[in-house]
Amino acid sequence: MNKISMIGLGCPKNQVDAEMLLSTLINEGFEIQPELENSDVVIINTCGFIDSAKQEAIDSILYAAELKQAGLIGGIVVTGCLAERYQAEISMEMPEVDAVVGIGANGNIAKICKEVISGKKVNTFPSKYCLSLEGDRVLTTPPHYAYLKIAEGCSNCCTYCAIPSIRGKFRSREIENIVEEAKNLAASGVKELIVVAQDTTRYGIDIYGEYKLPVLLKELCRVDGIEWIRILYCYPECMTDELIDVLASEDKICKYIDLPLQHADGAILKKMNRSGDEESLTSLIAKIRSRIPDIVIRTTFITGFPGETEESFEVLSRFVKNIGFDRLGCFAYSPEEGTFAAKMDNQIEQEVKNRRAEIIMEQQYRIFEAKQESRIGTVMTAIVDGFDDENMLYMGRTYMDAPEIDTSVIISTEDELFAGQLVKIKIIGVDDCDLVGEVIG
């Protein structure tokens, strides 16, 4: 039996693709192994969104090439966003790679691996719209939570973003298929569903003619066995009153919203091909908080976008201070090949971009620190993620934290707990940004 291993990189959406690839390979008789050594084929499912992700993918390819040269692995297959974006370059500059495969060829991964094992070189790039949105998966997350991808691609065309050219136009899955997958995940032991797409709030607009995320969420809330539902990648212009009401009224939905705003200055947002300004975004967040008092809002910002003056940066800085976000990430602008923004005038020096990002993160750290301290003495529900053998403590998360993105909660108890268990805890302290809680029931 041929042995396959995989290096999975990138976002949760890419992770779902990797899980479908693994399932396809198992169904075709391949053996999946966690270690790379002695694999007949190593698949590298890459991200190619920004410079740091591209570098991580390239480093992974070069590492696999070293193993191949040492005779420790067989062939190398590169797929995912980097392969889709840099089709010819990978083949030309990395001759150790045996197959460069576009995302539209994911359904043919077993055939491609067999050809590589037989000694063939493969370069195949079917239409990106051949990428299947449905299929079995082999979960690579812990058994108690899973990502649920409800759509593929993006049609927003933000000027800094290469995703539409890499993944294609936005296309939704049908509600019935998503709900059926959620039922299967629940039957396998999943307790927390994390709903993802490039823009979850636009779900359904392409196939139903209207935003259907509220309807989908209500259906998912009726799936037996699912305890928590968390939504990522929401766009502010699509935060309708109907969606806010569903987030407020459904008990299974975590009062947590990932709302990547990218900036607060109206002129910069317009150059990004995004809507809004400081006033409208402040009003939206006030509305969300008034309807859902316990809501935790996560956002991301970009500093140093072309044309960002000290005045427009000051708008962003003031906005961050005034809003007091619960969770925030800030990144220096990265000019991406093929995007409109990369060709804009008034590009900002890297040092300035980095300094501005650091200022925002320093502001946010003080806000976050105060918010964490304010939780001391409160009672919350936590989901257990596992046991930390080194510190002999259980680790988990409250509704405020998405896995692998946000912080954790350290759980103190004399009882034995299991992953996926929901427990009541009293917050008794903060340890390096993580909450510390003791089980009370």
Protein backbone atom coordinates (compact mmCIF):
# COMPACT_ATOMS: atom_id res chain seq x y z
CA MET A 1 0.00 0.00 0.00
CA ASN A 2 1.41 3.39 -1.01
CA LYS A 3 2.01 5.82 1.83
CA ILE A 4 0.99 9.48 1.62
CA SER A 5 1.75 12.33 4.02
CA MET A 6 0.63 15.94 3.86
CA ILE A 7 1.87 19.35 4.94
CA GLY A 8 -1.24 21.49 5.36
CA LEU A 9 -0.80 25.26 5.33
CA GLY A 10 -3.02 28.32 5.32
CA CYS A 11 -6.47 29.22 6.53
CA PRO A 12 -9.31 26.98 7.79
CA LYS A 13 -10.87 27.07 4.32
CA ASN A 14 -7.71 25.55 2.88
CA GLN A 15 -7.72 23.05 5.75
CA VAL A 16 -11.15 21.80 4.69
CA ASP A 17 -9.78 21.26 1.17
CA ALA A 18 -6.90 19.25 2.66
CA GLU A 19 -9.33 17.11 4.65
CA MET A 20 -11.25 16.32 1.47
CA LEU A 21 -8.01 15.42 -0.31
CA LEU A 22 -7.11 12.98 2.47
CA SER A 23 -10.53 11.33 2.31
CA THR A 24 -10.25 10.89 -1.46
CA LEU A 25 -6.84 9.26 -1.09
CA ILE A 26 -8.00 6.85 1.61
CA ASN A 27 -10.98 5.84 -0.52
CA GLU A 28 -8.54 5.08 -3.36
CA GLY A 29 -6.51 2.75 -1.16
CA PHE A 30 -3.65 4.97 -0.02
CA GLU A 31 -2.34 4.86 3.53
CA ILE A 32 -2.10 8.26 5.24
CA GLN A 33 0.74 8.66 7.72
CA PRO A 34 1.56 11.63 9.97
CA GLU A 35 5.35 11.61 9.45
CA LEU A 36 6.94 12.64 6.17
CA GLU A 37 9.80 10.13 6.18
CA ASN A 38 9.22 6.95 4.14
CA SER A 39 6.24 8.50 2.31
CA ASP A 40 5.86 7.54 -1.33
CA VAL A 41 4.34 10.99 -1.90
CA VAL A 42 4.35 14.16 0.20
CA ILE A 43 1.51 16.55 -0.66
CA ILE A 44 2.02 20.21 0.26
CA ASN A 45 -1.32 22.02 0.34
CA THR A 46 -0.14 25.61 0.13
CA CYS A 47 -1.38 29.09 0.92
CA GLY A 48 -0.39 31.93 -1.39
CA PHE A 49 -2.29 34.88 0.03
CA ILE A 50 0.43 37.18 1.42
CA ASP A 51 4.24 37.23 1.48
CA SER A 52 4.60 35.44 4.83
CA ALA A 53 2.28 32.64 3.72
CA LYS A 54 4.10 32.29 0.40
CA GLN A 55 7.44 32.09 2.22
CA GLU A 56 6.11 29.40 4.55
CA ALA A 57 4.95 27.39 1.55
CA ILE A 58 8.29 27.78 -0.23
CA ASP A 59 10.17 26.75 2.91
CA SER A 60 7.98 23.65 3.19
CA ILE A 61 8.66 22.73 -0.44
CA LEU A 62 12.41 23.20 0.03
CA TYR A 63 12.34 21.05 3.18
CA ALA A 64 10.53 18.28 1.32
CA ALA A 65 13.09 18.61 -1.49
CA GLU A 66 15.90 18.03 1.02
CA LEU A 67 14.17 14.86 2.26
CA LYS A 68 13.73 13.69 -1.32
CA GLN A 69 17.40 14.32 -2.13
CA ALA A 70 18.35 12.30 0.95
CA GLY A 71 16.19 9.42 -0.22
CA LEU A 72 13.78 9.71 2.72
CA ILE A 73 10.66 10.39 0.64
CA GLY A 74 9.45 9.67 -2.88
CA GLY A 75 7.59 12.29 -4.88
CA ILE A 76 6.44 15.83 -4.05
CA VAL A 77 3.02 17.17 -5.05
CA VAL A 78 2.28 20.88 -4.59
CA THR A 79 -1.35 22.00 -4.61
CA GLY A 80 -3.42 24.78 -3.06
CA CYS A 81 -3.29 28.54 -3.58
CA LEU A 82 0.44 28.91 -4.29
CA ALA A 83 0.24 26.24 -6.98
CA GLU A 84 -2.83 27.88 -8.52
CA ARG A 85 -1.20 31.30 -8.47
CA TYR A 86 2.35 30.47 -9.57
CA GLN A 87 1.83 27.56 -11.91
CA ALA A 88 4.85 27.87 -14.21
CA GLU A 89 7.21 29.42 -11.65
CA ILE A 90 7.12 26.45 -9.26
CA SER A 91 7.89 23.94 -12.01
CA MET A 92 10.71 26.07 -13.42
CA GLU A 93 12.37 27.13 -10.17
CA MET A 94 11.85 23.96 -8.12
CA PRO A 95 12.66 20.97 -10.33
CA GLU A 96 12.50 18.65 -7.31
CA VAL A 97 8.71 19.04 -7.37
CA ASP A 98 7.07 16.18 -9.27
CA ALA A 99 3.56 17.62 -9.63
CA VAL A 100 2.16 21.14 -9.54
CA VAL A 101 -1.59 20.89 -9.28
CA GLY A 102 -4.27 23.60 -9.46
CA ILE A 103 -7.18 23.53 -7.05
CA GLY A 104 -9.49 22.39 -9.83
CA ALA A 105 -7.56 19.10 -9.97
CA ASN A 106 -8.15 18.19 -6.31
CA GLY A 107 -10.70 15.58 -7.30
CA ASN A 108 -8.01 13.80 -9.35
CA ILE A 109 -5.44 13.72 -6.54
CA ALA A 110 -5.32 9.91 -6.36
CA LYS A 111 -4.58 9.57 -10.09
CA ILE A 112 -1.94 12.31 -9.84
CA CYS A 113 -0.21 10.58 -6.92
CA LYS A 114 -0.16 7.28 -8.78
CA GLU A 115 1.44 8.98 -11.79
CA VAL A 116 4.08 10.56 -9.56
CA ILE A 117 4.85 7.19 -7.95
CA SER A 118 5.31 5.72 -11.43
CA GLY A 119 7.92 8.37 -12.16
CA LYS A 120 5.91 10.86 -14.19
CA LYS A 121 5.98 14.65 -13.91
CA VAL A 122 2.52 16.19 -13.69
CA ASN A 123 1.38 19.77 -14.25
CA THR A 124 -2.39 20.14 -14.42
CA PHE A 125 -4.59 23.20 -13.98
CA PRO A 126 -8.26 22.57 -14.75
CA SER A 127 -10.72 25.40 -14.21
CA LYS A 128 -10.76 26.47 -10.57
CA TYR A 129 -14.53 26.02 -10.74
CA CYS A 130 -13.91 22.25 -10.98
CA LEU A 131 -13.04 22.33 -7.27
CA SER A 132 -15.79 20.34 -5.57
CA LEU A 133 -17.62 22.03 -2.69
CA GLU A 134 -18.99 18.71 -1.41
CA GLY A 135 -17.33 15.52 -0.26
CA ASP A 136 -16.21 13.36 2.65
CA ARG A 137 -13.46 14.63 4.92
CA VAL A 138 -10.82 13.26 7.27
CA LEU A 139 -10.83 15.77 10.13
CA THR A 140 -7.43 17.21 11.01
CA THR A 141 -8.84 19.24 13.89
CA PRO A 142 -9.34 17.74 17.35
CA PRO A 143 -12.47 15.52 17.29
CA HIS A 144 -14.70 17.98 19.17
CA TYR A 145 -14.62 20.87 16.68
CA ALA A 146 -14.62 21.22 12.91
CA TYR A 147 -14.67 23.90 10.26
CA LEU A 148 -17.76 24.01 8.06
CA LYS A 149 -17.07 25.69 4.72
CA ILE A 150 -20.31 27.09 3.29
CA ALA A 151 -18.97 28.80 0.16
CA GLU A 152 -15.89 29.04 -2.05
CA GLY A 153 -14.22 31.97 -3.78
CA CYS A 154 -14.93 35.68 -3.47
CA SER A 155 -16.54 38.37 -5.62
CA ASN A 156 -15.77 41.39 -3.43
CA CYS A 157 -12.61 42.32 -5.35
CA CYS A 158 -10.86 44.27 -2.60
CA THR A 159 -7.97 46.01 -4.34
CA TYR A 160 -5.30 44.48 -2.06
CA CYS A 161 -6.52 40.89 -2.36
CA ALA A 162 -5.59 38.15 -4.85
CA ILE A 163 -8.19 35.64 -3.65
CA PRO A 164 -10.73 36.19 -6.48
CA SER A 165 -8.03 35.50 -9.08
CA ILE A 166 -6.83 32.43 -7.17
CA ARG A 167 -10.09 30.88 -5.99
CA GLY A 168 -12.62 32.31 -8.45
CA LYS A 169 -15.98 34.00 -7.95
CA PHE A 170 -18.09 33.49 -4.85
CA ARG A 171 -20.20 30.33 -4.99
CA SER A 172 -22.38 29.00 -2.22
CA ARG A 173 -23.26 25.47 -1.27
CA GLU A 174 -26.92 24.51 -0.93
CA ILE A 175 -28.44 24.69 2.55
CA GLU A 176 -29.52 21.04 2.52
CA ASN A 177 -25.99 19.82 1.78
CA ILE A 178 -24.44 21.97 4.49
CA VAL A 179 -26.95 20.81 7.09
CA GLU A 180 -26.38 17.18 6.10
CA GLU A 181 -22.64 17.63 6.57
CA ALA A 182 -23.25 19.24 9.97
CA LYS A 183 -25.34 16.21 11.01
CA ASN A 184 -22.55 13.87 9.95
CA LEU A 185 -20.00 15.92 11.87
CA ALA A 186 -22.22 15.86 14.96
CA ALA A 187 -22.61 12.08 14.65
CA SER A 188 -18.81 11.77 14.63
CA GLY A 189 -18.53 13.64 17.94
CA VAL A 190 -18.11 17.26 16.84
CA LYS A 191 -19.52 19.71 19.41
CA GLU A 192 -18.43 23.04 17.93
CA LEU A 193 -18.99 24.08 14.31
CA ILE A 194 -16.91 26.96 12.99
CA VAL A 195 -18.63 28.41 9.91
CA VAL A 196 -16.19 29.70 7.30
CA ALA A 197 -16.09 31.15 3.79
CA GLN A 198 -14.16 34.00 2.26
CA ASP A 199 -17.22 36.11 3.15
CA THR A 200 -19.78 34.19 5.21
CA THR A 201 -22.25 37.08 5.24
CA ARG A 202 -22.76 36.87 1.47
CA TYR A 203 -23.81 33.25 1.74
CA GLY A 204 -26.65 32.37 -0.63
CA ILE A 205 -26.73 35.56 -2.69
CA ASP A 206 -25.48 33.74 -5.81
CA ILE A 207 -27.85 30.75 -5.74
CA TYR A 208 -30.88 32.09 -3.84
CA GLY A 209 -30.78 35.75 -4.86
CA GLU A 210 -30.65 36.96 -1.26
CA TYR A 211 -28.51 36.67 1.85
CA LYS A 212 -29.31 33.33 3.46
CA LEU A 213 -26.83 33.10 6.35
CA PRO A 214 -29.57 33.77 8.95
CA VAL A 215 -31.69 30.94 7.53
CA LEU A 216 -28.71 28.58 7.40
CA LEU A 217 -27.71 29.36 10.98
CA LYS A 218 -31.21 28.60 12.25
CA GLU A 219 -31.07 25.23 10.49
CA LEU A 220 -27.65 24.45 11.94
CA CYS A 221 -28.90 25.30 15.43
CA ARG A 222 -31.39 22.46 15.11
CA VAL A 223 -28.72 19.81 14.52
CA ASP A 224 -28.65 17.48 17.52
CA GLY A 225 -25.27 17.12 19.20
CA ILE A 226 -23.90 20.51 18.15
CA GLU A 227 -23.40 22.71 21.20
CA TRP A 228 -21.62 25.77 19.81
CA ILE A 229 -21.70 27.49 16.41
CA ARG A 230 -19.09 30.15 15.69
CA ILE A 231 -19.04 32.40 12.61
CA LEU A 232 -15.87 33.77 11.02
CA TYR A 233 -15.17 36.22 8.16
CA CYS A 234 -18.23 38.50 8.26
CA TYR A 235 -18.23 41.69 6.19
CA PRO A 236 -19.65 44.83 7.86
CA GLU A 237 -21.83 45.89 4.91
CA CYS A 238 -23.67 42.57 5.07
CA MET A 239 -24.40 42.63 8.81
CA THR A 240 -28.16 42.90 8.33
CA ASP A 241 -30.69 43.38 11.12
CA GLU A 242 -31.95 39.85 10.42
CA LEU A 243 -28.49 38.38 10.92
CA ILE A 244 -27.91 40.37 14.11
CA ASP A 245 -31.27 39.16 15.46
CA VAL A 246 -30.35 35.52 14.77
CA LEU A 247 -26.99 35.94 16.51
CA ALA A 248 -28.80 37.45 19.48
CA SER A 249 -31.63 34.93 19.75
CA GLU A 250 -30.08 31.52 19.06
CA ASP A 251 -28.51 29.99 22.17
CA LYS A 252 -26.14 27.70 20.28
CA ILE A 253 -24.53 30.57 18.40
CA CYS A 254 -21.48 31.91 20.21
CA LYS A 255 -21.83 35.61 20.91
CA TYR A 256 -18.67 36.16 18.90
CA ILE A 257 -18.33 37.84 15.54
CA ASP A 258 -15.26 38.02 13.33
CA LEU A 259 -15.64 41.32 11.48
CA PRO A 260 -12.52 42.17 9.45
CA LEU A 261 -12.79 45.93 8.91
CA GLN A 262 -9.27 46.58 7.50
CA HIS A 263 -9.39 50.34 8.16
CA ALA A 264 -11.57 53.16 9.50
CA ASP A 265 -10.65 56.08 7.27
CA GLY A 266 -13.27 56.47 4.54
CA ALA A 267 -10.81 57.49 1.84
CA ILE A 268 -8.56 54.49 2.49
CA LEU A 269 -11.52 52.12 2.58
CA LYS A 270 -12.69 53.48 -0.76
CA LYS A 271 -9.23 52.84 -2.23
CA MET A 272 -9.50 49.31 -0.88
CA ASN A 273 -12.84 48.96 -2.70
CA ARG A 274 -14.56 48.58 0.65
CA SER A 275 -17.40 50.59 2.09
CA GLY A 276 -17.82 52.58 5.28
CA ASP A 277 -15.93 55.11 7.33
CA GLU A 278 -15.26 55.86 10.98
CA GLU A 279 -18.78 57.15 11.62
CA SER A 280 -20.69 54.33 9.90
CA LEU A 281 -18.52 51.60 11.40
CA THR A 282 -18.87 53.10 14.87
CA SER A 283 -22.64 53.14 14.40
CA LEU A 284 -22.70 49.51 13.23
CA ILE A 285 -20.69 48.27 16.21
CA ALA A 286 -22.87 50.26 18.59
CA LYS A 287 -25.95 48.61 17.07
CA ILE A 288 -24.45 45.13 17.37
CA ARG A 289 -23.46 45.72 20.98
CA SER A 290 -26.85 47.15 21.90
CA ARG A 291 -28.65 44.10 20.45
CA ILE A 292 -26.13 41.56 21.80
CA PRO A 293 -24.70 42.94 25.06
CA ASP A 294 -22.26 40.03 25.59
CA ILE A 295 -20.92 40.07 22.03
CA VAL A 296 -17.18 39.67 21.51
CA ILE A 297 -15.98 41.39 18.34
CA ARG A 298 -12.79 40.32 16.60
CA THR A 299 -11.38 42.40 13.75
CA THR A 300 -8.30 42.88 11.59
CA PHE A 301 -6.70 46.02 10.20
CA ILE A 302 -4.11 46.85 7.54
CA THR A 303 -1.61 49.66 8.07
CA GLY A 304 0.43 51.32 5.38
CA PHE A 305 -2.01 50.87 2.52
CA PRO A 306 -0.98 53.05 -0.47
CA GLY A 307 -1.85 56.66 0.25
CA GLU A 308 -2.29 56.19 4.01
CA THR A 309 -1.24 59.56 5.43
CA GLU A 310 -0.46 60.30 9.07
CA GLU A 311 -3.94 61.82 9.27
CA SER A 312 -5.69 58.72 7.93
CA PHE A 313 -3.61 56.53 10.24
CA GLU A 314 -4.66 58.75 13.14
CA VAL A 315 -8.30 58.05 12.22
CA LEU A 316 -7.58 54.32 12.52
CA SER A 317 -5.69 54.75 15.80
CA ARG A 318 -8.49 56.83 17.29
CA PHE A 319 -11.09 54.34 16.12
CA VAL A 320 -9.28 51.44 17.79
CA LYS A 321 -9.03 53.37 21.06
CA ASN A 322 -12.66 54.48 21.02
CA ILE A 323 -14.23 51.14 20.06
CA GLY A 324 -12.21 48.91 22.38
CA PHE A 325 -12.29 45.72 20.34
CA ASP A 326 -12.24 42.45 22.23
CA ARG A 327 -9.87 40.75 19.78
CA LEU A 328 -7.75 42.45 17.10
CA GLY A 329 -4.98 41.66 14.64
CA CYS A 330 -3.11 44.30 12.65
CA PHE A 331 -0.86 43.65 9.68
CA ALA A 332 1.45 45.81 7.59
CA TYR A 333 0.19 46.08 4.01
CA SER A 334 1.73 43.55 1.63
CA PRO A 335 1.60 44.45 -2.09
CA GLU A 336 0.42 41.34 -3.92
CA GLU A 337 1.31 40.67 -7.53
CA GLY A 338 -1.61 41.08 -9.89
CA THR A 339 -3.69 43.20 -7.52
CA PHE A 340 -4.81 46.74 -8.30
CA ALA A 341 -3.37 48.14 -5.06
CA ALA A 342 0.13 46.91 -5.88
CA LYS A 343 0.17 49.31 -8.85
CA MET A 344 -1.13 52.32 -6.93
CA ASP A 345 0.92 55.46 -6.41
CA ASN A 346 2.03 56.58 -2.96
CA GLN A 347 3.29 53.22 -1.72
CA ILE A 348 4.40 53.42 1.91
CA GLU A 349 7.89 52.49 3.13
CA GLN A 350 8.05 49.14 4.91
CA GLU A 351 9.46 50.68 8.07
CA VAL A 352 6.50 53.06 8.31
CA LYS A 353 3.99 50.27 7.66
CA ASN A 354 5.56 48.13 10.38
CA ARG A 355 5.73 50.97 12.90
CA ARG A 356 2.06 51.80 12.41
CA ALA A 357 1.05 48.16 12.84
CA GLU A 358 3.07 48.01 16.06
CA ILE A 359 1.35 51.13 17.39
CA ILE A 360 -2.09 49.62 16.80
CA MET A 361 -1.10 46.34 18.45
CA GLU A 362 0.37 48.16 21.45
CA GLN A 363 -2.90 50.06 21.85
CA GLN A 364 -4.88 46.86 21.54
CA TYR A 365 -2.74 45.01 24.07
CA ARG A 366 -3.63 47.54 26.75
CA ILE A 367 -7.33 47.29 25.85
CA PHE A 368 -7.23 43.49 25.81
CA GLU A 369 -5.34 43.31 29.11
CA ALA A 370 -7.99 45.45 30.82
CA LYS A 371 -10.83 43.39 29.35
CA GLN A 372 -9.26 40.13 30.52
CA GLU A 373 -8.79 41.51 34.04
CA SER A 374 -12.44 42.63 34.09
CA ARG A 375 -13.52 38.99 33.67
CA ILE A 376 -12.12 37.99 37.06
CA GLY A 377 -14.96 36.91 39.35
CA THR A 378 -17.40 36.12 36.54
CA VAL A 379 -18.84 32.69 35.79
CA MET A 380 -18.55 31.38 32.23
CA THR A 381 -18.95 28.20 30.22
CA ALA A 382 -15.79 26.71 28.71
CA ILE A 383 -15.25 23.93 26.22
CA VAL A 384 -12.38 21.62 27.13
CA ASP A 385 -9.73 21.33 24.40
CA GLY A 386 -7.39 18.89 26.13
CA PHE A 387 -4.82 18.31 28.88
CA ASP A 388 -1.47 20.09 29.09
CA ASP A 389 0.90 17.34 30.26
CA GLU A 390 3.74 19.77 30.93
CA ASN A 391 1.77 21.97 33.33
CA MET A 392 -0.70 19.27 34.42
CA LEU A 393 -3.70 21.45 33.68
CA TYR A 394 -6.69 21.30 31.37
CA MET A 395 -6.89 23.85 28.57
CA GLY A 396 -10.07 25.13 26.98
CA ARG A 397 -11.83 28.12 25.53
CA THR A 398 -14.82 30.27 26.35
CA TYR A 399 -17.24 31.53 23.70
CA MET A 400 -14.88 34.51 23.34
CA ASP A 401 -12.11 32.53 21.67
CA ALA A 402 -11.83 30.74 18.34
CA PRO A 403 -9.33 27.86 18.24
CA GLU A 404 -5.83 28.58 16.91
CA ILE A 405 -6.67 32.31 16.63
CA ASP A 406 -7.47 33.65 20.07
CA THR A 407 -6.39 32.94 23.64
CA SER A 408 -7.25 29.97 25.86
CA VAL A 409 -8.54 29.44 29.36
CA ILE A 410 -6.56 27.43 31.91
CA ILE A 411 -8.97 25.15 33.77
CA SER A 412 -8.32 24.15 37.37
CA THR A 413 -10.17 21.08 38.66
CA GLU A 414 -9.69 17.88 40.66
CA ASP A 415 -12.07 16.01 38.35
CA GLU A 416 -11.23 14.23 35.12
CA LEU A 417 -12.45 16.12 32.06
CA PHE A 418 -12.62 15.16 28.41
CA ALA A 419 -12.15 17.10 25.18
CA GLY A 420 -15.40 18.63 24.00
CA GLN A 421 -16.93 18.73 27.47
CA LEU A 422 -18.67 21.95 28.46
CA VAL A 423 -18.00 23.04 32.05
CA LYS A 424 -18.98 25.98 34.21
CA ILE A 425 -15.96 27.87 35.50
CA LYS A 426 -15.34 30.85 37.75
CA ILE A 427 -12.60 33.13 36.43
CA ILE A 428 -10.01 33.54 39.16
CA GLY A 429 -7.10 35.17 37.34
CA VAL A 430 -5.17 35.95 34.19
CA ASP A 431 -1.93 34.23 33.19
CA ASP A 432 -0.04 35.78 30.27
CA CYS A 433 -3.31 36.91 28.62
CA ASP A 434 -5.04 33.54 29.14
CA LEU A 435 -7.90 33.44 31.63
CA VAL A 436 -7.63 31.06 34.58
CA GLY A 437 -10.81 29.43 35.83
CA GLU A 438 -11.85 26.82 38.35
CA VAL A 439 -14.65 24.36 37.66
CA ILE A 440 -17.76 25.02 39.72
CA GLY A 441 -20.22 22.71 37.98
